[in-house]
Amino acid sequence: MGIEEFLEGLVANAGNSQLQQINASEGIKVIEEEEGESAEHEEEEEHGHHHEGGNPHVWLDPVLAQQQVATIRDRLIAINPDNADNYRANGSAYIQQLQQLDGEFKQRLTPLKGCNFITFHDAFPYLAQRYGLKQEAIVEIPEDSITPQDIQRVQQAANQYQVKALLTEPGIEDKRIQQISSDLNLPLEAIDPLESGETDPQYYFQVMRGNLEALERACQ
């Protein structure tokens, strides 16, 4: 979905004609950008968040993550059929964990359906769509200096969509965002888009359960 274009050079330089590539998101319906968001996305592109192929953050939806695991499993079996039993067993075990995670999200977020939030990174439309929440607006905050116009855009979006929370990301200690949260009397919660992190297979589940807790707090 365009998020790993840097791999093209790596694959080309490997010089391995037998090297196989698996598109983990194959067959997933992409959330496209709306025409009315073009001006906002021009600004996003300047900050490196815009993706031409649509929104790539499908892994934040545990149901779509199951589809990704199944795609990886099936392609590995096709590439290396001698190890098919192991791929099936490992894929099944991981999908079961993802199904359990999906059940936890459904159970705990169902009472909070309709919760609107503003985010500073367009990473959560799949997650929101899956569980009846709404990522109402993406408001990019410039890295250098915040302007009165930036604050006004957040205020206008908060009023227009009657949002309940502002969502930021772990590790971002930005006093400007904290000040906006205070001025608007909206809770500020950090949820992780999982674009990087530990290689432990359980890391995804640990972070996603932390994200679930943050969404609960934000939408109460």
N, C-alpha and C. Protein backbone atom coordinates (compact mmCIF):
# COMPACT_ATOMS: atom_id res chain seq x y z
N MET A 1 0.83 -1.21 0.00
CA MET A 1 0.00 0.00 0.00
C MET A 1 0.86 1.26 0.00
N GLY A 2 2.09 1.14 -0.43
CA GLY A 2 2.94 2.30 -0.58
C GLY A 2 3.70 2.71 0.65
N ILE A 3 3.55 1.97 1.75
CA ILE A 3 4.21 2.39 2.99
C ILE A 3 5.64 1.86 3.07
N GLU A 4 5.99 0.89 2.21
CA GLU A 4 7.33 0.30 2.27
C GLU A 4 8.06 0.42 0.94
N GLU A 5 7.94 1.60 0.33
CA GLU A 5 8.60 1.82 -0.95
C GLU A 5 10.12 1.72 -0.82
N PHE A 6 10.63 1.96 0.37
CA PHE A 6 12.08 1.88 0.60
C PHE A 6 12.62 0.48 0.32
N LEU A 7 11.75 -0.53 0.33
CA LEU A 7 12.20 -1.90 0.10
C LEU A 7 12.54 -2.17 -1.36
N GLU A 8 12.04 -1.34 -2.27
CA GLU A 8 12.26 -1.59 -3.68
C GLU A 8 13.76 -1.62 -4.00
N GLY A 9 14.49 -0.63 -3.47
CA GLY A 9 15.93 -0.60 -3.71
C GLY A 9 16.64 -1.76 -3.06
N LEU A 10 16.19 -2.13 -1.86
CA LEU A 10 16.80 -3.25 -1.14
C LEU A 10 16.65 -4.55 -1.92
N VAL A 11 15.45 -4.77 -2.44
CA VAL A 11 15.19 -5.99 -3.22
C VAL A 11 16.02 -5.99 -4.51
N ALA A 12 16.08 -4.83 -5.17
CA ALA A 12 16.84 -4.74 -6.41
C ALA A 12 18.32 -4.99 -6.17
N ASN A 13 18.84 -4.47 -5.07
CA ASN A 13 20.28 -4.61 -4.78
C ASN A 13 20.64 -6.00 -4.27
N ALA A 14 19.63 -6.77 -3.84
CA ALA A 14 19.91 -8.12 -3.34
C ALA A 14 20.45 -9.01 -4.45
N GLY A 15 20.03 -8.75 -5.70
CA GLY A 15 20.52 -9.54 -6.83
C GLY A 15 20.13 -10.99 -6.77
N ASN A 16 19.00 -11.29 -6.12
CA ASN A 16 18.54 -12.67 -5.95
C ASN A 16 17.30 -12.89 -6.82
N SER A 17 17.47 -13.59 -7.90
CA SER A 17 16.35 -13.83 -8.82
C SER A 17 15.28 -14.74 -8.22
N GLN A 18 15.64 -15.45 -7.16
CA GLN A 18 14.68 -16.36 -6.51
C GLN A 18 13.92 -15.69 -5.36
N LEU A 19 14.26 -14.44 -5.08
CA LEU A 19 13.63 -13.76 -3.95
C LEU A 19 12.14 -13.52 -4.21
N GLN A 20 11.31 -13.93 -3.27
CA GLN A 20 9.87 -13.78 -3.40
C GLN A 20 9.37 -12.65 -2.50
N GLN A 21 8.40 -11.92 -2.99
CA GLN A 21 7.78 -10.87 -2.19
C GLN A 21 6.32 -11.22 -1.93
N ILE A 22 5.89 -10.99 -0.69
CA ILE A 22 4.50 -11.26 -0.30
C ILE A 22 3.85 -9.94 0.07
N ASN A 23 2.76 -9.62 -0.60
CA ASN A 23 1.98 -8.43 -0.28
C ASN A 23 0.95 -8.81 0.77
N ALA A 24 1.23 -8.50 2.03
CA ALA A 24 0.37 -8.94 3.13
C ALA A 24 -1.02 -8.33 3.07
N SER A 25 -1.17 -7.22 2.37
CA SER A 25 -2.47 -6.53 2.33
C SER A 25 -3.25 -6.84 1.06
N GLU A 26 -2.80 -7.82 0.31
CA GLU A 26 -3.48 -8.17 -0.93
C GLU A 26 -4.94 -8.55 -0.66
N GLY A 27 -5.85 -7.97 -1.45
CA GLY A 27 -7.26 -8.29 -1.34
C GLY A 27 -8.02 -7.49 -0.31
N ILE A 28 -7.34 -6.64 0.45
CA ILE A 28 -8.01 -5.81 1.45
C ILE A 28 -8.52 -4.54 0.80
N LYS A 29 -9.77 -4.19 1.08
CA LYS A 29 -10.36 -2.97 0.53
C LYS A 29 -9.77 -1.76 1.25
N VAL A 30 -9.14 -0.89 0.48
CA VAL A 30 -8.45 0.26 1.04
C VAL A 30 -9.44 1.40 1.28
N ILE A 31 -9.26 2.10 2.39
CA ILE A 31 -10.00 3.32 2.64
C ILE A 31 -9.33 4.44 1.86
N GLU A 32 -10.04 4.97 0.88
CA GLU A 32 -9.48 6.02 0.03
C GLU A 32 -9.72 7.38 0.67
N GLU A 33 -8.99 8.35 0.19
CA GLU A 33 -9.17 9.72 0.66
C GLU A 33 -10.40 10.33 0.00
N GLU A 34 -11.08 11.19 0.75
CA GLU A 34 -12.23 11.88 0.20
C GLU A 34 -11.77 13.13 -0.52
N GLU A 35 -12.50 13.49 -1.60
CA GLU A 35 -12.11 14.64 -2.40
C GLU A 35 -12.06 15.92 -1.60
N GLY A 36 -12.94 16.05 -0.63
CA GLY A 36 -13.01 17.28 0.14
C GLY A 36 -11.85 17.47 1.08
N GLU A 37 -10.98 16.46 1.18
CA GLU A 37 -9.86 16.55 2.12
C GLU A 37 -8.57 16.95 1.42
N SER A 38 -8.63 17.32 0.13
CA SER A 38 -7.41 17.54 -0.64
C SER A 38 -6.51 18.60 -0.05
N ALA A 39 -7.09 19.72 0.38
CA ALA A 39 -6.25 20.79 0.92
C ALA A 39 -5.57 20.35 2.20
N GLU A 40 -6.31 19.64 3.04
CA GLU A 40 -5.73 19.15 4.29
C GLU A 40 -4.61 18.17 4.03
N HIS A 41 -4.79 17.33 2.98
CA HIS A 41 -3.79 16.33 2.68
C HIS A 41 -2.56 16.91 2.01
N GLU A 42 -2.71 18.06 1.37
CA GLU A 42 -1.52 18.72 0.86
C GLU A 42 -0.58 19.03 2.02
N GLU A 43 -1.17 19.46 3.14
CA GLU A 43 -0.35 19.75 4.31
C GLU A 43 0.20 18.47 4.90
N GLU A 44 -0.61 17.41 4.92
CA GLU A 44 -0.14 16.13 5.45
C GLU A 44 1.07 15.63 4.67
N GLU A 45 1.01 15.81 3.33
CA GLU A 45 2.10 15.31 2.50
C GLU A 45 3.41 15.99 2.86
N GLU A 46 3.33 17.27 3.23
CA GLU A 46 4.53 17.99 3.62
C GLU A 46 5.15 17.38 4.87
N HIS A 47 4.32 16.76 5.71
CA HIS A 47 4.82 16.18 6.96
C HIS A 47 5.05 14.68 6.85
N GLY A 48 4.84 14.13 5.63
CA GLY A 48 5.17 12.72 5.41
C GLY A 48 4.10 11.74 5.81
N HIS A 49 2.83 12.16 5.98
CA HIS A 49 1.79 11.24 6.40
C HIS A 49 0.85 10.84 5.27
N HIS A 50 0.96 11.50 4.11
CA HIS A 50 0.04 11.23 3.02
C HIS A 50 0.50 10.02 2.22
N HIS A 51 -0.44 9.13 1.83
CA HIS A 51 -0.12 7.94 1.07
C HIS A 51 -1.00 7.90 -0.17
N GLU A 52 -0.35 7.86 -1.36
CA GLU A 52 -1.08 7.92 -2.62
C GLU A 52 -2.01 6.73 -2.81
N GLY A 53 -1.65 5.56 -2.28
CA GLY A 53 -2.45 4.37 -2.51
C GLY A 53 -3.60 4.19 -1.55
N GLY A 54 -3.95 5.20 -0.81
CA GLY A 54 -4.97 5.07 0.21
C GLY A 54 -4.33 4.84 1.56
N ASN A 55 -5.16 4.71 2.60
CA ASN A 55 -4.63 4.57 3.94
C ASN A 55 -4.07 3.16 4.16
N PRO A 56 -2.80 3.03 4.56
CA PRO A 56 -2.19 1.71 4.67
C PRO A 56 -2.32 1.03 6.03
N HIS A 57 -2.92 1.68 7.04
CA HIS A 57 -2.83 1.20 8.42
C HIS A 57 -3.84 0.08 8.73
N VAL A 58 -3.89 -0.92 7.86
CA VAL A 58 -4.89 -1.99 8.00
C VAL A 58 -4.61 -2.87 9.20
N TRP A 59 -3.35 -2.95 9.62
CA TRP A 59 -2.99 -3.86 10.72
C TRP A 59 -3.59 -3.45 12.06
N LEU A 60 -4.10 -2.22 12.16
CA LEU A 60 -4.70 -1.77 13.41
C LEU A 60 -6.14 -2.26 13.57
N ASP A 61 -6.65 -2.95 12.57
CA ASP A 61 -7.95 -3.64 12.66
C ASP A 61 -7.64 -5.12 12.85
N PRO A 62 -7.93 -5.70 14.02
CA PRO A 62 -7.58 -7.10 14.27
C PRO A 62 -8.22 -8.08 13.29
N VAL A 63 -9.35 -7.71 12.70
CA VAL A 63 -9.99 -8.60 11.71
C VAL A 63 -9.20 -8.58 10.41
N LEU A 64 -8.80 -7.40 9.96
CA LEU A 64 -7.97 -7.33 8.76
C LEU A 64 -6.59 -7.93 9.01
N ALA A 65 -6.11 -7.84 10.23
CA ALA A 65 -4.83 -8.47 10.56
C ALA A 65 -4.91 -9.98 10.39
N GLN A 66 -6.08 -10.57 10.69
CA GLN A 66 -6.26 -12.00 10.46
C GLN A 66 -6.14 -12.33 8.97
N GLN A 67 -6.72 -11.47 8.14
CA GLN A 67 -6.63 -11.67 6.70
C GLN A 67 -5.17 -11.56 6.23
N GLN A 68 -4.43 -10.65 6.84
CA GLN A 68 -3.01 -10.52 6.48
C GLN A 68 -2.24 -11.78 6.84
N VAL A 69 -2.49 -12.32 8.02
CA VAL A 69 -1.80 -13.54 8.45
C VAL A 69 -2.13 -14.69 7.50
N ALA A 70 -3.41 -14.79 7.11
CA ALA A 70 -3.81 -15.86 6.20
C ALA A 70 -3.12 -15.71 4.84
N THR A 71 -2.99 -14.48 4.38
CA THR A 71 -2.32 -14.24 3.10
C THR A 71 -0.85 -14.64 3.18
N ILE A 72 -0.19 -14.25 4.27
CA ILE A 72 1.22 -14.62 4.46
C ILE A 72 1.36 -16.14 4.53
N ARG A 73 0.48 -16.78 5.30
CA ARG A 73 0.52 -18.25 5.43
C ARG A 73 0.39 -18.94 4.08
N ASP A 74 -0.61 -18.53 3.31
CA ASP A 74 -0.87 -19.20 2.03
C ASP A 74 0.26 -18.99 1.03
N ARG A 75 0.83 -17.80 1.02
CA ARG A 75 1.93 -17.53 0.09
C ARG A 75 3.19 -18.31 0.51
N LEU A 76 3.42 -18.41 1.82
CA LEU A 76 4.57 -19.19 2.28
C LEU A 76 4.41 -20.66 1.91
N ILE A 77 3.20 -21.17 2.02
CA ILE A 77 2.95 -22.56 1.64
C ILE A 77 3.22 -22.77 0.15
N ALA A 78 2.80 -21.79 -0.67
CA ALA A 78 3.03 -21.90 -2.11
C ALA A 78 4.51 -21.85 -2.45
N ILE A 79 5.25 -21.03 -1.71
CA ILE A 79 6.67 -20.86 -1.97
C ILE A 79 7.47 -22.05 -1.44
N ASN A 80 7.07 -22.57 -0.29
CA ASN A 80 7.83 -23.62 0.38
C ASN A 80 6.88 -24.70 0.90
N PRO A 81 6.31 -25.50 0.00
CA PRO A 81 5.29 -26.49 0.41
C PRO A 81 5.81 -27.53 1.38
N ASP A 82 7.12 -27.76 1.41
CA ASP A 82 7.66 -28.77 2.33
C ASP A 82 7.42 -28.39 3.80
N ASN A 83 7.23 -27.11 4.07
CA ASN A 83 7.02 -26.65 5.44
C ASN A 83 5.57 -26.25 5.69
N ALA A 84 4.67 -26.73 4.85
CA ALA A 84 3.27 -26.30 4.89
C ALA A 84 2.61 -26.55 6.25
N ASP A 85 2.90 -27.68 6.87
CA ASP A 85 2.25 -28.01 8.14
C ASP A 85 2.62 -26.98 9.21
N ASN A 86 3.87 -26.58 9.25
CA ASN A 86 4.29 -25.59 10.23
C ASN A 86 3.63 -24.23 9.96
N TYR A 87 3.56 -23.84 8.69
CA TYR A 87 2.92 -22.57 8.37
C TYR A 87 1.44 -22.58 8.78
N ARG A 88 0.78 -23.69 8.53
CA ARG A 88 -0.65 -23.79 8.90
C ARG A 88 -0.82 -23.73 10.42
N ALA A 89 0.02 -24.46 11.14
CA ALA A 89 -0.10 -24.49 12.60
C ALA A 89 0.19 -23.12 13.20
N ASN A 90 1.25 -22.49 12.76
CA ASN A 90 1.61 -21.17 13.29
C ASN A 90 0.58 -20.12 12.90
N GLY A 91 0.11 -20.19 11.67
CA GLY A 91 -0.91 -19.24 11.23
C GLY A 91 -2.20 -19.39 12.02
N SER A 92 -2.60 -20.63 12.25
CA SER A 92 -3.82 -20.89 13.01
C SER A 92 -3.71 -20.36 14.44
N ALA A 93 -2.56 -20.59 15.07
CA ALA A 93 -2.37 -20.14 16.45
C ALA A 93 -2.41 -18.62 16.54
N TYR A 94 -1.81 -17.95 15.57
CA TYR A 94 -1.78 -16.48 15.62
C TYR A 94 -3.15 -15.90 15.30
N ILE A 95 -3.86 -16.51 14.36
CA ILE A 95 -5.21 -16.04 14.03
C ILE A 95 -6.14 -16.20 15.24
N GLN A 96 -5.97 -17.27 16.00
CA GLN A 96 -6.79 -17.46 17.20
C GLN A 96 -6.55 -16.33 18.19
N GLN A 97 -5.31 -15.92 18.35
CA GLN A 97 -5.02 -14.79 19.24
C GLN A 97 -5.66 -13.50 18.73
N LEU A 98 -5.64 -13.31 17.42
CA LEU A 98 -6.25 -12.12 16.83
C LEU A 98 -7.77 -12.15 17.00
N GLN A 99 -8.36 -13.32 16.90
CA GLN A 99 -9.81 -13.44 17.11
C GLN A 99 -10.18 -13.09 18.55
N GLN A 100 -9.35 -13.54 19.49
CA GLN A 100 -9.59 -13.20 20.89
C GLN A 100 -9.46 -11.70 21.10
N LEU A 101 -8.46 -11.09 20.48
CA LEU A 101 -8.28 -9.64 20.59
C LEU A 101 -9.47 -8.89 20.01
N ASP A 102 -9.95 -9.33 18.87
CA ASP A 102 -11.13 -8.71 18.26
C ASP A 102 -12.33 -8.80 19.20
N GLY A 103 -12.49 -9.95 19.85
CA GLY A 103 -13.60 -10.11 20.79
C GLY A 103 -13.49 -9.13 21.95
N GLU A 104 -12.29 -8.90 22.44
CA GLU A 104 -12.10 -7.94 23.54
C GLU A 104 -12.46 -6.53 23.09
N PHE A 105 -12.02 -6.14 21.89
CA PHE A 105 -12.36 -4.82 21.37
C PHE A 105 -13.87 -4.66 21.22
N LYS A 106 -14.52 -5.67 20.66
CA LYS A 106 -15.98 -5.60 20.47
C LYS A 106 -16.70 -5.45 21.80
N GLN A 107 -16.33 -6.28 22.76
CA GLN A 107 -17.02 -6.27 24.04
C GLN A 107 -16.87 -4.93 24.76
N ARG A 108 -15.67 -4.38 24.73
CA ARG A 108 -15.40 -3.19 25.53
C ARG A 108 -15.71 -1.88 24.81
N LEU A 109 -15.74 -1.90 23.47
CA LEU A 109 -16.03 -0.67 22.74
C LEU A 109 -17.47 -0.55 22.28
N THR A 110 -18.22 -1.65 22.31
CA THR A 110 -19.63 -1.59 21.89
C THR A 110 -20.41 -0.55 22.69
N PRO A 111 -20.24 -0.45 24.02
CA PRO A 111 -20.98 0.59 24.76
C PRO A 111 -20.55 2.01 24.39
N LEU A 112 -19.43 2.15 23.68
CA LEU A 112 -18.89 3.48 23.36
C LEU A 112 -19.08 3.83 21.89
N LYS A 113 -19.92 3.08 21.20
CA LYS A 113 -20.14 3.34 19.78
C LYS A 113 -20.58 4.78 19.55
N GLY A 114 -20.09 5.35 18.46
CA GLY A 114 -20.42 6.73 18.14
C GLY A 114 -19.44 7.73 18.70
N CYS A 115 -18.43 7.27 19.43
CA CYS A 115 -17.43 8.18 19.98
C CYS A 115 -16.63 8.81 18.85
N ASN A 116 -16.58 10.13 18.82
CA ASN A 116 -15.83 10.87 17.82
C ASN A 116 -14.51 11.35 18.41
N PHE A 117 -13.45 11.27 17.62
CA PHE A 117 -12.18 11.77 18.10
C PHE A 117 -11.41 12.47 16.99
N ILE A 118 -10.51 13.35 17.40
CA ILE A 118 -9.58 14.01 16.49
C ILE A 118 -8.21 13.38 16.70
N THR A 119 -7.51 13.13 15.62
CA THR A 119 -6.17 12.59 15.72
C THR A 119 -5.20 13.49 14.95
N PHE A 120 -3.95 13.42 15.33
CA PHE A 120 -2.92 14.20 14.66
C PHE A 120 -2.14 13.35 13.66
N HIS A 121 -2.63 12.13 13.40
CA HIS A 121 -2.00 11.22 12.43
C HIS A 121 -3.13 10.35 11.88
N ASP A 122 -3.22 10.29 10.56
CA ASP A 122 -4.32 9.57 9.91
C ASP A 122 -4.07 8.06 9.94
N ALA A 123 -4.08 7.49 11.13
CA ALA A 123 -3.70 6.08 11.27
C ALA A 123 -4.83 5.17 11.71
N PHE A 124 -5.98 5.70 12.07
CA PHE A 124 -6.95 4.87 12.78
C PHE A 124 -8.33 4.73 12.13
N PRO A 125 -8.48 4.97 10.82
CA PRO A 125 -9.81 4.83 10.24
C PRO A 125 -10.31 3.39 10.19
N TYR A 126 -9.41 2.42 9.99
CA TYR A 126 -9.85 1.02 9.93
C TYR A 126 -10.31 0.56 11.31
N LEU A 127 -9.54 0.88 12.33
CA LEU A 127 -9.90 0.52 13.70
C LEU A 127 -11.23 1.17 14.08
N ALA A 128 -11.36 2.46 13.78
CA ALA A 128 -12.59 3.17 14.14
C ALA A 128 -13.79 2.59 13.40
N GLN A 129 -13.62 2.32 12.12
CA GLN A 129 -14.72 1.77 11.33
C GLN A 129 -15.16 0.41 11.84
N ARG A 130 -14.22 -0.40 12.25
CA ARG A 130 -14.54 -1.75 12.72
C ARG A 130 -15.40 -1.74 13.97
N TYR A 131 -15.13 -0.78 14.88
CA TYR A 131 -15.78 -0.84 16.19
C TYR A 131 -16.74 0.32 16.44
N GLY A 132 -17.20 0.96 15.37
CA GLY A 132 -18.25 1.96 15.52
C GLY A 132 -17.81 3.28 16.08
N LEU A 133 -16.51 3.55 16.05
CA LEU A 133 -16.01 4.86 16.44
C LEU A 133 -15.84 5.71 15.19
N LYS A 134 -15.41 6.95 15.34
CA LYS A 134 -15.27 7.81 14.18
C LYS A 134 -14.06 8.71 14.31
N GLN A 135 -13.09 8.49 13.41
CA GLN A 135 -11.97 9.41 13.30
C GLN A 135 -12.46 10.59 12.47
N GLU A 136 -12.87 11.66 13.16
CA GLU A 136 -13.58 12.73 12.49
C GLU A 136 -12.68 13.66 11.70
N ALA A 137 -11.47 13.85 12.14
CA ALA A 137 -10.59 14.80 11.45
C ALA A 137 -9.15 14.47 11.76
N ILE A 138 -8.30 14.81 10.79
CA ILE A 138 -6.87 14.67 10.99
C ILE A 138 -6.28 16.06 10.93
N VAL A 139 -5.74 16.52 12.02
CA VAL A 139 -5.22 17.88 12.09
C VAL A 139 -3.72 17.80 12.30
N GLU A 140 -2.97 18.15 11.26
CA GLU A 140 -1.52 18.11 11.34
C GLU A 140 -1.00 19.33 12.09
N ILE A 141 -0.14 19.09 13.05
CA ILE A 141 0.50 20.16 13.81
C ILE A 141 1.92 20.32 13.26
N PRO A 142 2.29 21.51 12.80
CA PRO A 142 3.63 21.69 12.23
C PRO A 142 4.72 21.42 13.25
N GLU A 143 5.87 20.97 12.75
CA GLU A 143 6.97 20.59 13.64
C GLU A 143 7.71 21.80 14.20
N ASP A 144 7.64 22.93 13.48
CA ASP A 144 8.44 24.08 13.92
C ASP A 144 7.71 24.94 14.94
N SER A 145 6.67 25.64 14.50
CA SER A 145 5.95 26.52 15.43
C SER A 145 4.47 26.49 15.12
N ILE A 146 3.69 26.36 16.16
CA ILE A 146 2.24 26.33 16.00
C ILE A 146 1.73 27.76 15.85
N THR A 147 0.73 27.91 15.01
CA THR A 147 0.17 29.23 14.74
C THR A 147 -1.25 29.32 15.28
N PRO A 148 -1.77 30.53 15.43
CA PRO A 148 -3.18 30.67 15.84
C PRO A 148 -4.12 29.96 14.87
N GLN A 149 -3.73 29.89 13.59
CA GLN A 149 -4.57 29.21 12.61
C GLN A 149 -4.63 27.71 12.87
N ASP A 150 -3.50 27.15 13.32
CA ASP A 150 -3.49 25.72 13.65
C ASP A 150 -4.44 25.43 14.82
N ILE A 151 -4.36 26.26 15.83
CA ILE A 151 -5.23 26.08 16.99
C ILE A 151 -6.69 26.24 16.58
N GLN A 152 -6.94 27.20 15.71
CA GLN A 152 -8.31 27.45 15.25
C GLN A 152 -8.86 26.26 14.49
N ARG A 153 -8.01 25.60 13.70
CA ARG A 153 -8.47 24.43 12.95
C ARG A 153 -8.88 23.31 13.88
N VAL A 154 -8.11 23.11 14.94
CA VAL A 154 -8.47 22.07 15.91
C VAL A 154 -9.77 22.43 16.62
N GLN A 155 -9.90 23.67 17.01
CA GLN A 155 -11.12 24.11 17.69
C GLN A 155 -12.34 23.96 16.79
N GLN A 156 -12.21 24.35 15.53
CA GLN A 156 -13.33 24.24 14.61
C GLN A 156 -13.74 22.79 14.40
N ALA A 157 -12.74 21.91 14.25
CA ALA A 157 -13.05 20.49 14.07
C ALA A 157 -13.71 19.91 15.31
N ALA A 158 -13.21 20.29 16.48
CA ALA A 158 -13.78 19.79 17.73
C ALA A 158 -15.24 20.21 17.88
N ASN A 159 -15.54 21.45 17.53
CA ASN A 159 -16.91 21.95 17.63
C ASN A 159 -17.80 21.34 16.55
N GLN A 160 -17.28 21.25 15.34
CA GLN A 160 -18.08 20.75 14.22
C GLN A 160 -18.51 19.31 14.44
N TYR A 161 -17.59 18.48 14.93
CA TYR A 161 -17.87 17.05 15.05
C TYR A 161 -18.22 16.63 16.47
N GLN A 162 -18.24 17.57 17.39
CA GLN A 162 -18.57 17.28 18.78
C GLN A 162 -17.72 16.11 19.30
N VAL A 163 -16.42 16.25 19.13
CA VAL A 163 -15.52 15.16 19.49
C VAL A 163 -15.41 15.03 21.01
N LYS A 164 -15.04 13.83 21.42
CA LYS A 164 -14.90 13.54 22.84
C LYS A 164 -13.45 13.51 23.29
N ALA A 165 -12.52 13.43 22.33
CA ALA A 165 -11.12 13.27 22.74
C ALA A 165 -10.18 13.67 21.62
N LEU A 166 -8.94 13.95 22.02
CA LEU A 166 -7.83 14.13 21.10
C LEU A 166 -6.89 12.94 21.27
N LEU A 167 -6.45 12.37 20.16
CA LEU A 167 -5.56 11.22 20.22
C LEU A 167 -4.20 11.60 19.64
N THR A 168 -3.16 11.34 20.42
CA THR A 168 -1.80 11.55 19.96
C THR A 168 -1.07 10.22 20.05
N GLU A 169 0.26 10.23 19.91
CA GLU A 169 1.02 8.99 19.90
C GLU A 169 2.01 8.94 21.05
N PRO A 170 2.36 7.74 21.51
CA PRO A 170 3.34 7.62 22.60
C PRO A 170 4.66 8.29 22.23
N GLY A 171 5.27 8.91 23.20
CA GLY A 171 6.57 9.51 22.99
C GLY A 171 6.54 10.93 22.47
N ILE A 172 5.35 11.42 22.13
CA ILE A 172 5.24 12.79 21.65
C ILE A 172 4.93 13.70 22.84
N GLU A 173 5.93 14.40 23.30
CA GLU A 173 5.77 15.32 24.42
C GLU A 173 5.67 16.74 23.86
N ASP A 174 4.50 17.09 23.42
CA ASP A 174 4.30 18.38 22.76
C ASP A 174 3.39 19.24 23.62
N LYS A 175 3.94 20.27 24.20
CA LYS A 175 3.16 21.13 25.08
C LYS A 175 2.04 21.85 24.33
N ARG A 176 2.22 22.02 23.02
CA ARG A 176 1.18 22.69 22.23
C ARG A 176 -0.08 21.84 22.18
N ILE A 177 0.11 20.53 21.96
CA ILE A 177 -1.04 19.64 21.92
C ILE A 177 -1.69 19.56 23.30
N GLN A 178 -0.87 19.50 24.33
CA GLN A 178 -1.42 19.47 25.68
C GLN A 178 -2.20 20.74 25.99
N GLN A 179 -1.71 21.88 25.50
CA GLN A 179 -2.40 23.14 25.73
C GLN A 179 -3.74 23.17 24.99
N ILE A 180 -3.76 22.64 23.76
CA ILE A 180 -5.02 22.57 23.01
C ILE A 180 -6.02 21.70 23.75
N SER A 181 -5.55 20.57 24.27
CA SER A 181 -6.42 19.68 25.02
C SER A 181 -7.00 20.40 26.23
N SER A 182 -6.16 21.14 26.93
CA SER A 182 -6.61 21.88 28.11
C SER A 182 -7.60 22.98 27.72
N ASP A 183 -7.29 23.72 26.66
CA ASP A 183 -8.16 24.82 26.24
C ASP A 183 -9.54 24.34 25.82
N LEU A 184 -9.59 23.17 25.18
CA LEU A 184 -10.86 22.63 24.70
C LEU A 184 -11.54 21.74 25.73
N ASN A 185 -10.86 21.51 26.86
CA ASN A 185 -11.41 20.64 27.90
C ASN A 185 -11.73 19.25 27.35
N LEU A 186 -10.79 18.73 26.54
CA LEU A 186 -10.95 17.41 25.96
C LEU A 186 -9.82 16.51 26.47
N PRO A 187 -10.13 15.24 26.76
CA PRO A 187 -9.06 14.34 27.20
C PRO A 187 -8.06 14.09 26.08
N LEU A 188 -6.81 13.94 26.44
CA LEU A 188 -5.75 13.65 25.49
C LEU A 188 -5.19 12.27 25.81
N GLU A 189 -5.32 11.36 24.86
CA GLU A 189 -4.83 10.00 25.06
C GLU A 189 -3.86 9.63 23.95
N ALA A 190 -2.90 8.80 24.27
CA ALA A 190 -1.91 8.34 23.28
C ALA A 190 -2.24 6.91 22.87
N ILE A 191 -2.37 6.69 21.56
CA ILE A 191 -2.49 5.33 21.05
C ILE A 191 -1.44 5.13 19.96
N ASP A 192 -0.94 3.92 19.89
CA ASP A 192 0.25 3.60 19.10
C ASP A 192 -0.15 3.05 17.74
N PRO A 193 0.31 3.66 16.62
CA PRO A 193 -0.01 3.15 15.29
C PRO A 193 0.79 1.92 14.90
N LEU A 194 1.73 1.50 15.75
CA LEU A 194 2.50 0.28 15.53
C LEU A 194 3.23 0.30 14.19
N GLU A 195 3.81 1.42 13.86
CA GLU A 195 4.60 1.50 12.63
C GLU A 195 6.03 1.01 12.86
N SER A 196 6.39 0.84 14.11
CA SER A 196 7.70 0.28 14.48
C SER A 196 7.56 -0.29 15.88
N GLY A 197 8.59 -0.99 16.32
CA GLY A 197 8.53 -1.53 17.67
C GLY A 197 9.33 -2.81 17.80
N GLU A 198 9.10 -3.52 18.89
CA GLU A 198 9.85 -4.73 19.17
C GLU A 198 9.46 -5.86 18.21
N THR A 199 10.37 -6.80 18.04
CA THR A 199 10.11 -7.93 17.14
C THR A 199 9.46 -9.12 17.85
N ASP A 200 9.23 -9.01 19.13
CA ASP A 200 8.53 -10.06 19.88
C ASP A 200 7.13 -10.24 19.28
N PRO A 201 6.74 -11.47 18.89
CA PRO A 201 5.41 -11.69 18.31
C PRO A 201 4.26 -11.24 19.20
N GLN A 202 4.48 -11.14 20.50
CA GLN A 202 3.43 -10.71 21.40
C GLN A 202 3.35 -9.19 21.53
N TYR A 203 4.31 -8.50 20.96
CA TYR A 203 4.35 -7.04 21.08
C TYR A 203 3.09 -6.41 20.51
N TYR A 204 2.62 -6.91 19.37
CA TYR A 204 1.40 -6.39 18.75
C TYR A 204 0.23 -6.45 19.73
N PHE A 205 0.07 -7.57 20.40
CA PHE A 205 -1.06 -7.74 21.30
C PHE A 205 -0.93 -6.85 22.53
N GLN A 206 0.27 -6.71 23.04
CA GLN A 206 0.49 -5.84 24.19
C GLN A 206 0.12 -4.40 23.86
N VAL A 207 0.58 -3.92 22.72
CA VAL A 207 0.32 -2.54 22.33
C VAL A 207 -1.16 -2.34 22.01
N MET A 208 -1.77 -3.28 21.31
CA MET A 208 -3.18 -3.13 20.95
C MET A 208 -4.08 -3.12 22.18
N ARG A 209 -3.74 -3.90 23.19
CA ARG A 209 -4.54 -3.87 24.42
C ARG A 209 -4.34 -2.54 25.15
N GLY A 210 -3.14 -1.99 25.07
CA GLY A 210 -2.92 -0.65 25.60
C GLY A 210 -3.73 0.39 24.84
N ASN A 211 -3.81 0.24 23.52
CA ASN A 211 -4.63 1.14 22.71
C ASN A 211 -6.10 1.03 23.09
N LEU A 212 -6.55 -0.17 23.35
CA LEU A 212 -7.94 -0.38 23.76
C LEU A 212 -8.24 0.35 25.06
N GLU A 213 -7.35 0.25 26.02
CA GLU A 213 -7.54 0.96 27.29
C GLU A 213 -7.57 2.47 27.08
N ALA A 214 -6.71 2.97 26.20
CA ALA A 214 -6.68 4.41 25.93
C ALA A 214 -7.98 4.87 25.27
N LEU A 215 -8.52 4.08 24.37
CA LEU A 215 -9.78 4.42 23.72
C LEU A 215 -10.93 4.41 24.71
N GLU A 216 -10.90 3.46 25.62
CA GLU A 216 -11.94 3.43 26.66
C GLU A 216 -11.91 4.69 27.50
N ARG A 217 -10.72 5.09 27.91
CA ARG A 217 -10.60 6.30 28.72
C ARG A 217 -11.05 7.54 27.94
N ALA A 218 -10.68 7.59 26.68
CA ALA A 218 -10.98 8.75 25.86
C ALA A 218 -12.47 8.91 25.59
N CYS A 219 -13.16 7.78 25.48
CA CYS A 219 -14.56 7.81 25.03
C CYS A 219 -15.58 7.68 26.16
N GLN A 220 -15.11 7.65 27.39
CA GLN A 220 -16.04 7.54 28.52
C GLN A 220 -16.96 8.76 28.58
